[in-house]
């Protein structure tokens, strides 16, 4: 026996469109009811859904654009913890500080591809993303300079020149002699 056939339930309601039957003219539509209203509601809900999706995409684009700031703070802390001497750990951190933003800058288009929509402006989030990654690269270059690995003196380029003399000054304290 097929499901729903043969057994009549008292509580079951048969839902079918009775507008084509002659008995539907005996019952007028209630005040304020129009038969075209569901189509208008569908268009309004579709428009609201598209607007909500565009708003969501805009918010997510800003979240993605601000993500390098968290990495910038973490990388700055790691560079501070690495110290100012040249060793394997500090070189690895500096390499990472330069490589990650470089790769992120190469793939800006791919990062913001999911948010591509005519109603969503991604120019400002892209510019923020680029600026934060350039700041991260600047932090890496600064650390290279503090480690003394950047060629900033003329003696770094010409071997016949003597290195620049370090000028240090320490003051304060009590003389021991």
N, C-alpha and C. Protein backbone atom coordinates (compact mmCIF):
# COMPACT_ATOMS: atom_id res chain seq x y z
N UNK A 1 0.84 -1.17 0.00
CA UNK A 1 0.00 0.00 0.00
C UNK A 1 0.89 1.24 0.00
N UNK A 2 0.60 2.21 -0.83
CA UNK A 2 1.39 3.43 -0.92
C UNK A 2 1.15 4.30 0.30
N UNK A 3 2.16 5.06 0.57
CA UNK A 3 2.09 5.93 1.74
C UNK A 3 1.03 7.01 1.51
N UNK A 4 0.18 7.20 2.49
CA UNK A 4 -0.84 8.23 2.41
C UNK A 4 -2.11 7.79 1.71
N UNK A 5 -2.14 6.60 1.17
CA UNK A 5 -3.33 6.11 0.47
C UNK A 5 -4.02 5.07 1.35
N UNK A 6 -5.31 5.06 1.33
CA UNK A 6 -6.07 4.03 2.02
C UNK A 6 -6.48 4.42 3.43
N UNK A 7 -5.67 5.13 4.15
CA UNK A 7 -6.02 5.52 5.51
C UNK A 7 -6.33 7.01 5.53
N UNK A 8 -7.51 7.33 5.92
CA UNK A 8 -7.90 8.74 5.99
C UNK A 8 -7.68 9.23 7.41
N UNK A 9 -7.00 10.31 7.54
CA UNK A 9 -6.74 10.89 8.85
C UNK A 9 -7.71 12.05 9.04
N UNK A 10 -8.25 12.13 10.25
CA UNK A 10 -9.18 13.23 10.51
C UNK A 10 -8.46 14.56 10.59
N UNK A 11 -7.23 14.55 11.03
CA UNK A 11 -6.51 15.81 11.24
C UNK A 11 -5.74 16.27 10.00
N UNK A 12 -5.67 15.49 8.97
CA UNK A 12 -4.93 15.85 7.76
C UNK A 12 -5.72 16.89 6.96
N UNK A 13 -5.00 17.81 6.39
CA UNK A 13 -5.61 18.86 5.57
C UNK A 13 -5.07 18.72 4.17
N UNK A 14 -5.95 18.76 3.22
CA UNK A 14 -5.56 18.67 1.83
C UNK A 14 -5.31 20.09 1.33
N UNK A 15 -4.05 20.39 0.97
CA UNK A 15 -3.69 21.73 0.52
C UNK A 15 -3.57 21.73 -0.99
N UNK A 16 -4.53 22.32 -1.62
CA UNK A 16 -4.47 22.47 -3.07
C UNK A 16 -5.11 23.80 -3.42
N UNK A 17 -4.76 24.32 -4.56
CA UNK A 17 -5.27 25.62 -5.00
C UNK A 17 -6.69 25.44 -5.51
N UNK A 18 -7.61 26.03 -4.81
CA UNK A 18 -9.02 25.91 -5.18
C UNK A 18 -9.49 27.09 -6.01
N UNK A 19 -8.58 27.92 -6.49
CA UNK A 19 -8.98 29.10 -7.25
C UNK A 19 -9.61 28.75 -8.59
N UNK A 20 -9.28 27.59 -9.13
CA UNK A 20 -9.84 27.21 -10.43
C UNK A 20 -11.20 26.53 -10.27
N UNK A 21 -11.54 26.14 -9.08
CA UNK A 21 -12.83 25.47 -8.90
C UNK A 21 -13.95 26.51 -8.81
N UNK A 22 -15.16 26.15 -9.20
CA UNK A 22 -16.27 27.11 -9.19
C UNK A 22 -16.67 27.53 -7.78
N UNK A 23 -16.36 26.75 -6.76
CA UNK A 23 -16.77 27.09 -5.40
C UNK A 23 -15.92 28.21 -4.80
N UNK A 24 -14.76 28.54 -5.44
CA UNK A 24 -13.90 29.59 -4.89
C UNK A 24 -14.53 30.96 -5.04
N UNK A 25 -15.43 31.15 -6.01
CA UNK A 25 -16.08 32.44 -6.17
C UNK A 25 -17.08 32.69 -5.06
N UNK A 26 -17.48 31.66 -4.33
CA UNK A 26 -18.42 31.83 -3.24
C UNK A 26 -17.75 32.51 -2.05
N UNK A 27 -16.46 32.39 -1.95
CA UNK A 27 -15.73 33.00 -0.84
C UNK A 27 -14.83 34.10 -1.38
N UNK A 28 -15.12 35.36 -1.09
CA UNK A 28 -14.28 36.44 -1.59
C UNK A 28 -12.95 36.49 -0.83
N UNK A 29 -11.97 37.10 -1.46
CA UNK A 29 -10.67 37.26 -0.81
C UNK A 29 -10.81 38.22 0.36
N UNK A 30 -10.05 37.99 1.42
CA UNK A 30 -10.12 38.90 2.57
C UNK A 30 -9.61 40.29 2.19
N UNK A 31 -9.98 41.32 2.97
CA UNK A 31 -9.52 42.68 2.65
C UNK A 31 -8.00 42.78 2.75
N UNK A 32 -7.36 43.45 1.79
CA UNK A 32 -5.91 43.62 1.79
C UNK A 32 -5.15 42.48 1.15
N UNK A 33 -5.83 41.41 0.76
CA UNK A 33 -5.15 40.25 0.16
C UNK A 33 -5.18 40.39 -1.36
N UNK A 34 -4.01 40.22 -1.98
CA UNK A 34 -3.94 40.17 -3.43
C UNK A 34 -3.19 38.92 -3.81
N UNK A 35 -3.59 38.33 -4.89
CA UNK A 35 -2.96 37.08 -5.30
C UNK A 35 -1.55 37.29 -5.84
N UNK A 36 -1.17 38.50 -6.23
CA UNK A 36 0.17 38.76 -6.75
C UNK A 36 1.15 39.13 -5.64
N UNK A 37 0.71 39.24 -4.41
CA UNK A 37 1.57 39.64 -3.30
C UNK A 37 2.75 38.70 -3.07
N UNK A 38 2.59 37.38 -3.17
CA UNK A 38 3.76 36.53 -2.95
C UNK A 38 4.88 36.78 -3.95
N UNK A 39 4.55 37.13 -5.19
CA UNK A 39 5.60 37.42 -6.16
C UNK A 39 6.35 38.68 -5.78
N UNK A 40 5.63 39.69 -5.33
CA UNK A 40 6.28 40.94 -4.90
C UNK A 40 7.13 40.69 -3.66
N UNK A 41 6.63 39.86 -2.75
CA UNK A 41 7.40 39.53 -1.56
C UNK A 41 8.68 38.77 -1.93
N UNK A 42 8.58 37.89 -2.92
CA UNK A 42 9.77 37.15 -3.36
C UNK A 42 10.82 38.10 -3.92
N UNK A 43 10.38 39.10 -4.69
CA UNK A 43 11.33 40.06 -5.26
C UNK A 43 11.95 40.92 -4.15
N UNK A 44 11.14 41.32 -3.17
CA UNK A 44 11.65 42.13 -2.06
C UNK A 44 12.63 41.33 -1.20
N UNK A 45 12.30 40.08 -0.92
CA UNK A 45 13.21 39.27 -0.10
C UNK A 45 14.49 38.96 -0.86
N UNK A 46 14.38 38.77 -2.18
CA UNK A 46 15.59 38.53 -2.97
C UNK A 46 16.48 39.76 -2.97
N UNK A 47 15.87 40.95 -3.09
CA UNK A 47 16.65 42.19 -3.06
C UNK A 47 17.30 42.38 -1.68
N UNK A 48 16.54 42.11 -0.62
CA UNK A 48 17.11 42.22 0.73
C UNK A 48 18.23 41.21 0.94
N UNK A 49 18.06 40.03 0.41
CA UNK A 49 19.09 39.00 0.54
C UNK A 49 20.36 39.43 -0.18
N UNK A 50 20.21 40.01 -1.38
CA UNK A 50 21.38 40.48 -2.13
C UNK A 50 22.07 41.64 -1.41
N UNK A 51 21.28 42.55 -0.83
CA UNK A 51 21.86 43.65 -0.07
C UNK A 51 22.59 43.14 1.17
N UNK A 52 21.99 42.16 1.85
CA UNK A 52 22.63 41.58 3.03
C UNK A 52 23.93 40.87 2.65
N UNK A 53 23.92 40.19 1.52
CA UNK A 53 25.12 39.51 1.05
C UNK A 53 26.22 40.52 0.70
N UNK A 54 25.83 41.63 0.07
CA UNK A 54 26.81 42.66 -0.27
C UNK A 54 27.39 43.29 0.99
N UNK A 55 26.56 43.52 2.00
CA UNK A 55 27.03 44.07 3.28
C UNK A 55 27.99 43.09 3.94
N UNK A 56 27.63 41.81 3.92
CA UNK A 56 28.49 40.79 4.52
C UNK A 56 29.83 40.72 3.80
N UNK A 57 29.81 40.77 2.48
CA UNK A 57 31.06 40.74 1.71
C UNK A 57 31.93 41.95 2.03
N UNK A 58 31.31 43.11 2.18
CA UNK A 58 32.06 44.31 2.53
C UNK A 58 32.72 44.19 3.90
N UNK A 59 31.98 43.65 4.87
CA UNK A 59 32.54 43.46 6.21
C UNK A 59 33.69 42.46 6.19
N UNK A 60 33.52 41.37 5.47
CA UNK A 60 34.58 40.37 5.40
C UNK A 60 35.80 40.90 4.67
N UNK A 61 35.60 41.75 3.66
CA UNK A 61 36.74 42.35 2.96
C UNK A 61 37.54 43.22 3.92
N UNK A 62 36.86 43.97 4.77
CA UNK A 62 37.59 44.80 5.75
C UNK A 62 38.31 43.93 6.78
N UNK A 63 37.70 42.81 7.18
CA UNK A 63 38.37 41.90 8.12
C UNK A 63 39.64 41.33 7.51
N UNK A 64 39.56 40.94 6.24
CA UNK A 64 40.74 40.40 5.55
C UNK A 64 41.80 41.48 5.41
N UNK A 65 41.36 42.71 5.14
CA UNK A 65 42.32 43.81 4.98
C UNK A 65 43.04 44.14 6.28
N UNK A 66 42.40 43.95 7.41
CA UNK A 66 43.00 44.26 8.71
C UNK A 66 43.80 43.09 9.29
N UNK A 67 43.74 41.94 8.68
CA UNK A 67 44.44 40.76 9.19
C UNK A 67 45.95 40.93 9.28
N UNK A 68 46.62 41.62 8.34
CA UNK A 68 48.07 41.78 8.46
C UNK A 68 48.49 42.57 9.71
N UNK A 69 47.59 43.37 10.29
CA UNK A 69 47.95 44.11 11.50
C UNK A 69 48.27 43.16 12.64
N UNK A 70 47.49 42.08 12.77
CA UNK A 70 47.76 41.09 13.82
C UNK A 70 49.12 40.44 13.58
N UNK A 71 49.41 40.12 12.34
CA UNK A 71 50.70 39.52 12.00
C UNK A 71 51.83 40.51 12.26
N UNK A 72 51.59 41.79 12.00
CA UNK A 72 52.59 42.82 12.22
C UNK A 72 52.97 42.91 13.70
N UNK A 73 51.98 42.88 14.57
CA UNK A 73 52.25 42.94 16.01
C UNK A 73 53.01 41.69 16.48
N UNK A 74 52.58 40.53 16.00
CA UNK A 74 53.25 39.30 16.39
C UNK A 74 54.70 39.27 15.89
N UNK A 75 54.91 39.70 14.65
CA UNK A 75 56.26 39.69 14.09
C UNK A 75 57.15 40.71 14.80
N UNK A 76 56.61 41.86 15.17
CA UNK A 76 57.38 42.84 15.93
C UNK A 76 57.81 42.28 17.27
N UNK A 77 56.92 41.58 17.94
CA UNK A 77 57.27 40.97 19.23
C UNK A 77 58.34 39.90 19.04
N UNK A 78 58.20 39.09 18.01
CA UNK A 78 59.20 38.04 17.77
C UNK A 78 60.57 38.64 17.45
N UNK A 79 60.59 39.73 16.70
CA UNK A 79 61.86 40.39 16.38
C UNK A 79 62.49 40.97 17.64
N UNK A 80 61.67 41.54 18.50
CA UNK A 80 62.19 42.07 19.76
C UNK A 80 62.77 40.94 20.62
N UNK A 81 62.08 39.80 20.65
CA UNK A 81 62.56 38.67 21.45
C UNK A 81 63.83 38.05 20.84
N UNK A 82 64.03 38.18 19.54
CA UNK A 82 65.21 37.60 18.89
C UNK A 82 66.49 38.34 19.26
N UNK A 83 66.37 39.59 19.67
CA UNK A 83 67.56 40.34 20.06
C UNK A 83 68.23 41.00 18.88
N UNK A 84 69.44 41.57 19.15
CA UNK A 84 70.13 42.32 18.10
C UNK A 84 71.43 41.67 17.67
N UNK A 85 71.58 40.39 17.93
CA UNK A 85 72.77 39.68 17.47
C UNK A 85 72.40 38.81 16.29
N UNK A 86 73.38 38.56 15.44
CA UNK A 86 73.14 37.76 14.25
C UNK A 86 73.31 36.28 14.62
N UNK A 87 72.23 35.55 14.55
CA UNK A 87 72.26 34.10 14.75
C UNK A 87 71.11 33.49 13.96
N UNK A 88 71.03 32.20 13.97
CA UNK A 88 70.07 31.49 13.11
C UNK A 88 68.63 31.90 13.39
N UNK A 89 68.28 32.04 14.64
CA UNK A 89 66.90 32.38 15.00
C UNK A 89 66.52 33.76 14.47
N UNK A 90 67.38 34.75 14.67
CA UNK A 90 67.06 36.11 14.22
C UNK A 90 67.03 36.19 12.69
N UNK A 91 67.90 35.46 12.01
CA UNK A 91 67.87 35.44 10.54
C UNK A 91 66.58 34.81 10.05
N UNK A 92 66.15 33.73 10.68
CA UNK A 92 64.90 33.07 10.28
C UNK A 92 63.70 33.98 10.48
N UNK A 93 63.67 34.71 11.57
CA UNK A 93 62.55 35.61 11.82
C UNK A 93 62.54 36.74 10.81
N UNK A 94 63.71 37.30 10.51
CA UNK A 94 63.78 38.39 9.53
C UNK A 94 63.37 37.88 8.15
N UNK A 95 63.81 36.69 7.78
CA UNK A 95 63.41 36.11 6.49
C UNK A 95 61.90 35.95 6.44
N UNK A 96 61.32 35.46 7.52
CA UNK A 96 59.87 35.30 7.58
C UNK A 96 59.16 36.65 7.51
N UNK A 97 59.73 37.66 8.19
CA UNK A 97 59.13 38.99 8.19
C UNK A 97 59.16 39.63 6.81
N UNK A 98 60.09 39.24 5.99
CA UNK A 98 60.15 39.78 4.63
C UNK A 98 59.36 38.93 3.63
N UNK A 99 59.35 37.63 3.82
CA UNK A 99 58.74 36.72 2.85
C UNK A 99 57.21 36.74 2.93
N UNK A 100 56.65 36.72 4.12
CA UNK A 100 55.19 36.67 4.25
C UNK A 100 54.51 37.89 3.62
N UNK A 101 54.94 39.12 3.91
CA UNK A 101 54.29 40.26 3.24
C UNK A 101 54.53 40.28 1.73
N UNK A 102 55.70 39.82 1.30
CA UNK A 102 55.98 39.77 -0.13
C UNK A 102 54.98 38.85 -0.83
N UNK A 103 54.75 37.68 -0.28
CA UNK A 103 53.78 36.75 -0.87
C UNK A 103 52.36 37.31 -0.79
N UNK A 104 52.05 37.99 0.31
CA UNK A 104 50.71 38.57 0.44
C UNK A 104 50.49 39.67 -0.60
N UNK A 105 51.53 40.45 -0.87
CA UNK A 105 51.40 41.51 -1.87
C UNK A 105 51.27 40.94 -3.28
N UNK A 106 51.90 39.80 -3.52
CA UNK A 106 51.79 39.16 -4.83
C UNK A 106 50.39 38.62 -5.08
N UNK A 107 49.67 38.28 -4.01
CA UNK A 107 48.37 37.63 -4.18
C UNK A 107 47.21 38.48 -3.70
N UNK A 108 47.30 39.79 -3.83
CA UNK A 108 46.21 40.67 -3.40
C UNK A 108 44.94 40.35 -4.18
N UNK A 109 45.05 40.13 -5.46
CA UNK A 109 43.88 39.82 -6.28
C UNK A 109 43.19 38.54 -5.85
N UNK A 110 43.97 37.53 -5.52
CA UNK A 110 43.39 36.25 -5.10
C UNK A 110 42.74 36.36 -3.73
N UNK A 111 43.33 37.18 -2.86
CA UNK A 111 42.80 37.33 -1.50
C UNK A 111 41.42 37.97 -1.54
N UNK A 112 41.23 38.95 -2.40
CA UNK A 112 39.96 39.67 -2.45
C UNK A 112 39.02 39.16 -3.54
N UNK A 113 39.36 38.07 -4.19
CA UNK A 113 38.51 37.49 -5.24
C UNK A 113 37.13 37.07 -4.71
N UNK A 114 37.02 36.46 -3.50
CA UNK A 114 35.68 36.06 -3.03
C UNK A 114 34.74 37.24 -2.79
N UNK A 115 35.27 38.44 -2.66
CA UNK A 115 34.44 39.60 -2.35
C UNK A 115 34.14 40.44 -3.58
N UNK A 116 34.46 39.92 -4.75
CA UNK A 116 34.24 40.65 -5.99
C UNK A 116 32.74 40.69 -6.27
N UNK A 117 32.22 41.90 -6.25
CA UNK A 117 30.79 42.11 -6.45
C UNK A 117 30.62 43.56 -6.91
N UNK A 118 29.72 43.82 -7.86
CA UNK A 118 29.55 45.22 -8.30
C UNK A 118 29.05 46.14 -7.19
N UNK A 119 28.38 45.59 -6.18
CA UNK A 119 27.85 46.42 -5.10
C UNK A 119 28.86 46.62 -3.97
N UNK A 120 30.00 45.93 -4.01
CA UNK A 120 30.99 46.01 -2.94
C UNK A 120 32.24 46.71 -3.47
N UNK A 121 32.63 47.78 -2.80
CA UNK A 121 33.84 48.51 -3.17
C UNK A 121 35.00 47.93 -2.38
N UNK A 122 35.93 47.29 -3.06
CA UNK A 122 37.07 46.67 -2.39
C UNK A 122 38.35 47.47 -2.54
N UNK A 123 38.28 48.67 -3.09
CA UNK A 123 39.50 49.47 -3.29
C UNK A 123 40.12 49.88 -1.96
N UNK A 124 39.32 50.41 -1.05
CA UNK A 124 39.86 50.85 0.24
C UNK A 124 40.41 49.67 1.05
N UNK A 125 39.71 48.53 1.15
CA UNK A 125 40.31 47.39 1.86
C UNK A 125 41.60 46.90 1.21
N UNK A 126 41.67 46.92 -0.13
CA UNK A 126 42.90 46.51 -0.80
C UNK A 126 44.05 47.45 -0.47
N UNK A 127 43.77 48.75 -0.45
CA UNK A 127 44.81 49.72 -0.13
C UNK A 127 45.30 49.56 1.31
N UNK A 128 44.38 49.30 2.24
CA UNK A 128 44.78 49.05 3.62
C UNK A 128 45.61 47.78 3.72
N UNK A 129 45.21 46.75 3.02
CA UNK A 129 45.94 45.48 3.01
C UNK A 129 47.36 45.69 2.49
N UNK A 130 47.49 46.45 1.41
CA UNK A 130 48.81 46.72 0.83
C UNK A 130 49.65 47.56 1.79
N UNK A 131 49.04 48.57 2.41
CA UNK A 131 49.78 49.43 3.34
C UNK A 131 50.29 48.66 4.55
N UNK A 132 49.47 47.78 5.10
CA UNK A 132 49.90 47.00 6.27
C UNK A 132 51.00 46.01 5.90
N UNK A 133 50.91 45.44 4.72
CA UNK A 133 51.98 44.52 4.30
C UNK A 133 53.27 45.27 3.99
N UNK A 134 53.18 46.47 3.45
CA UNK A 134 54.39 47.27 3.24
C UNK A 134 55.01 47.68 4.58
N UNK A 135 54.16 47.97 5.57
CA UNK A 135 54.68 48.27 6.91
C UNK A 135 55.39 47.06 7.50
N UNK A 136 54.85 45.87 7.27
CA UNK A 136 55.50 44.64 7.76
C UNK A 136 56.85 44.44 7.07
N UNK A 137 56.91 44.72 5.76
CA UNK A 137 58.20 44.61 5.06
C UNK A 137 59.18 45.66 5.59
N UNK A 138 58.68 46.85 5.88
CA UNK A 138 59.53 47.89 6.46
C UNK A 138 60.07 47.48 7.81
N UNK A 139 59.27 46.79 8.59
CA UNK A 139 59.73 46.29 9.89
C UNK A 139 60.85 45.27 9.68
N UNK A 140 60.72 44.42 8.67
CA UNK A 140 61.77 43.45 8.38
C UNK A 140 63.06 44.11 7.91
N UNK A 141 62.94 45.15 7.08
CA UNK A 141 64.12 45.87 6.61
C UNK A 141 64.79 46.60 7.78
N UNK A 142 63.98 47.17 8.67
CA UNK A 142 64.53 47.83 9.86
C UNK A 142 65.32 46.84 10.71
N UNK A 143 64.79 45.63 10.88
CA UNK A 143 65.49 44.62 11.67
C UNK A 143 66.79 44.22 10.98
N UNK A 144 66.78 44.11 9.64
CA UNK A 144 68.02 43.83 8.92
C UNK A 144 69.06 44.92 9.19
N UNK A 145 68.60 46.16 9.22
CA UNK A 145 69.52 47.26 9.48
C UNK A 145 70.06 47.20 10.91
N UNK A 146 69.22 46.89 11.88
CA UNK A 146 69.70 46.81 13.27
C UNK A 146 70.65 45.63 13.47
N UNK A 147 70.50 44.60 12.68
CA UNK A 147 71.44 43.48 12.75
C UNK A 147 72.74 43.78 12.02
N UNK A 148 72.79 44.85 11.26
CA UNK A 148 73.98 45.22 10.51
C UNK A 148 74.13 44.45 9.22
N UNK A 149 73.05 43.94 8.69
CA UNK A 149 73.11 43.13 7.48
C UNK A 149 72.80 43.92 6.21
N UNK A 150 72.43 45.19 6.34
CA UNK A 150 72.20 46.02 5.16
C UNK A 150 73.48 46.78 4.82
N UNK A 151 73.83 46.84 3.57
CA UNK A 151 75.02 47.59 3.17
C UNK A 151 74.73 49.09 3.14
N UNK A 152 74.96 49.76 4.25
CA UNK A 152 74.63 51.19 4.35
C UNK A 152 75.86 52.10 4.32
N UNK A 153 77.05 51.56 4.44
CA UNK A 153 78.27 52.36 4.40
C UNK A 153 78.99 52.15 3.08
N UNK A 154 79.84 53.10 2.73
CA UNK A 154 80.62 52.96 1.49
C UNK A 154 81.58 51.79 1.59
N UNK A 155 82.05 51.49 2.80
CA UNK A 155 82.99 50.38 2.96
C UNK A 155 82.32 49.02 2.74
N UNK A 156 81.00 48.99 2.76
CA UNK A 156 80.29 47.74 2.47
C UNK A 156 80.34 47.41 0.99
N UNK A 157 80.57 48.42 0.14
CA UNK A 157 80.56 48.23 -1.30
C UNK A 157 81.96 48.19 -1.90
N UNK A 158 82.90 48.88 -1.27
CA UNK A 158 84.26 48.95 -1.80
C UNK A 158 85.20 48.31 -0.77
N UNK A 159 85.91 47.29 -1.19
CA UNK A 159 86.73 46.54 -0.24
C UNK A 159 87.99 47.31 0.19
N UNK A 160 88.43 48.30 -0.57
CA UNK A 160 89.65 49.01 -0.21
C UNK A 160 89.42 50.07 0.87
N UNK A 161 88.17 50.39 1.18
CA UNK A 161 87.87 51.37 2.22
C UNK A 161 87.79 50.69 3.58
N UNK A 162 88.24 51.40 4.58
CA UNK A 162 88.12 50.84 5.93
C UNK A 162 86.71 51.05 6.44
N UNK A 163 86.23 50.18 7.30
CA UNK A 163 84.88 50.32 7.83
C UNK A 163 84.75 51.61 8.65
N UNK A 164 83.53 52.11 8.74
CA UNK A 164 83.28 53.32 9.51
C UNK A 164 83.57 53.06 10.98
N UNK A 165 84.15 54.08 11.64
CA UNK A 165 84.50 53.93 13.05
C UNK A 165 83.24 54.07 13.90
N UNK A 166 83.09 53.16 14.81
CA UNK A 166 81.93 53.21 15.70
C UNK A 166 82.14 54.31 16.71
N UNK A 167 81.15 55.13 16.91
CA UNK A 167 81.22 56.19 17.89
C UNK A 167 80.23 55.83 18.99
N UNK A 168 80.79 55.55 20.15
CA UNK A 168 79.94 55.20 21.29
C UNK A 168 80.24 56.15 22.44
N UNK A 169 79.24 56.37 23.22
CA UNK A 169 79.39 57.25 24.36
C UNK A 169 78.57 56.67 25.49
N UNK A 170 79.19 56.56 26.62
CA UNK A 170 78.49 56.11 27.81
C UNK A 170 78.71 57.17 28.88
N UNK A 171 77.67 57.55 29.52
CA UNK A 171 77.79 58.60 30.54
C UNK A 171 77.10 58.19 31.82
N UNK A 172 77.44 58.91 32.85
CA UNK A 172 76.80 58.66 34.14
C UNK A 172 77.58 57.67 34.98
N UNK A 173 77.11 57.45 36.15
CA UNK A 173 77.79 56.51 37.04
C UNK A 173 78.88 57.16 37.86
N UNK A 174 79.50 56.40 38.73
CA UNK A 174 80.58 56.88 39.59
C UNK A 174 81.89 56.25 39.12
N UNK A 175 82.95 57.07 38.96
CA UNK A 175 84.23 56.47 38.55
C UNK A 175 84.79 55.59 39.66
N UNK A 176 85.32 54.44 39.30
CA UNK A 176 85.84 53.50 40.28
C UNK A 176 87.30 53.81 40.64
N UNK A 177 87.99 54.56 39.89
CA UNK A 177 89.39 54.85 40.21
C UNK A 177 89.54 56.19 40.82
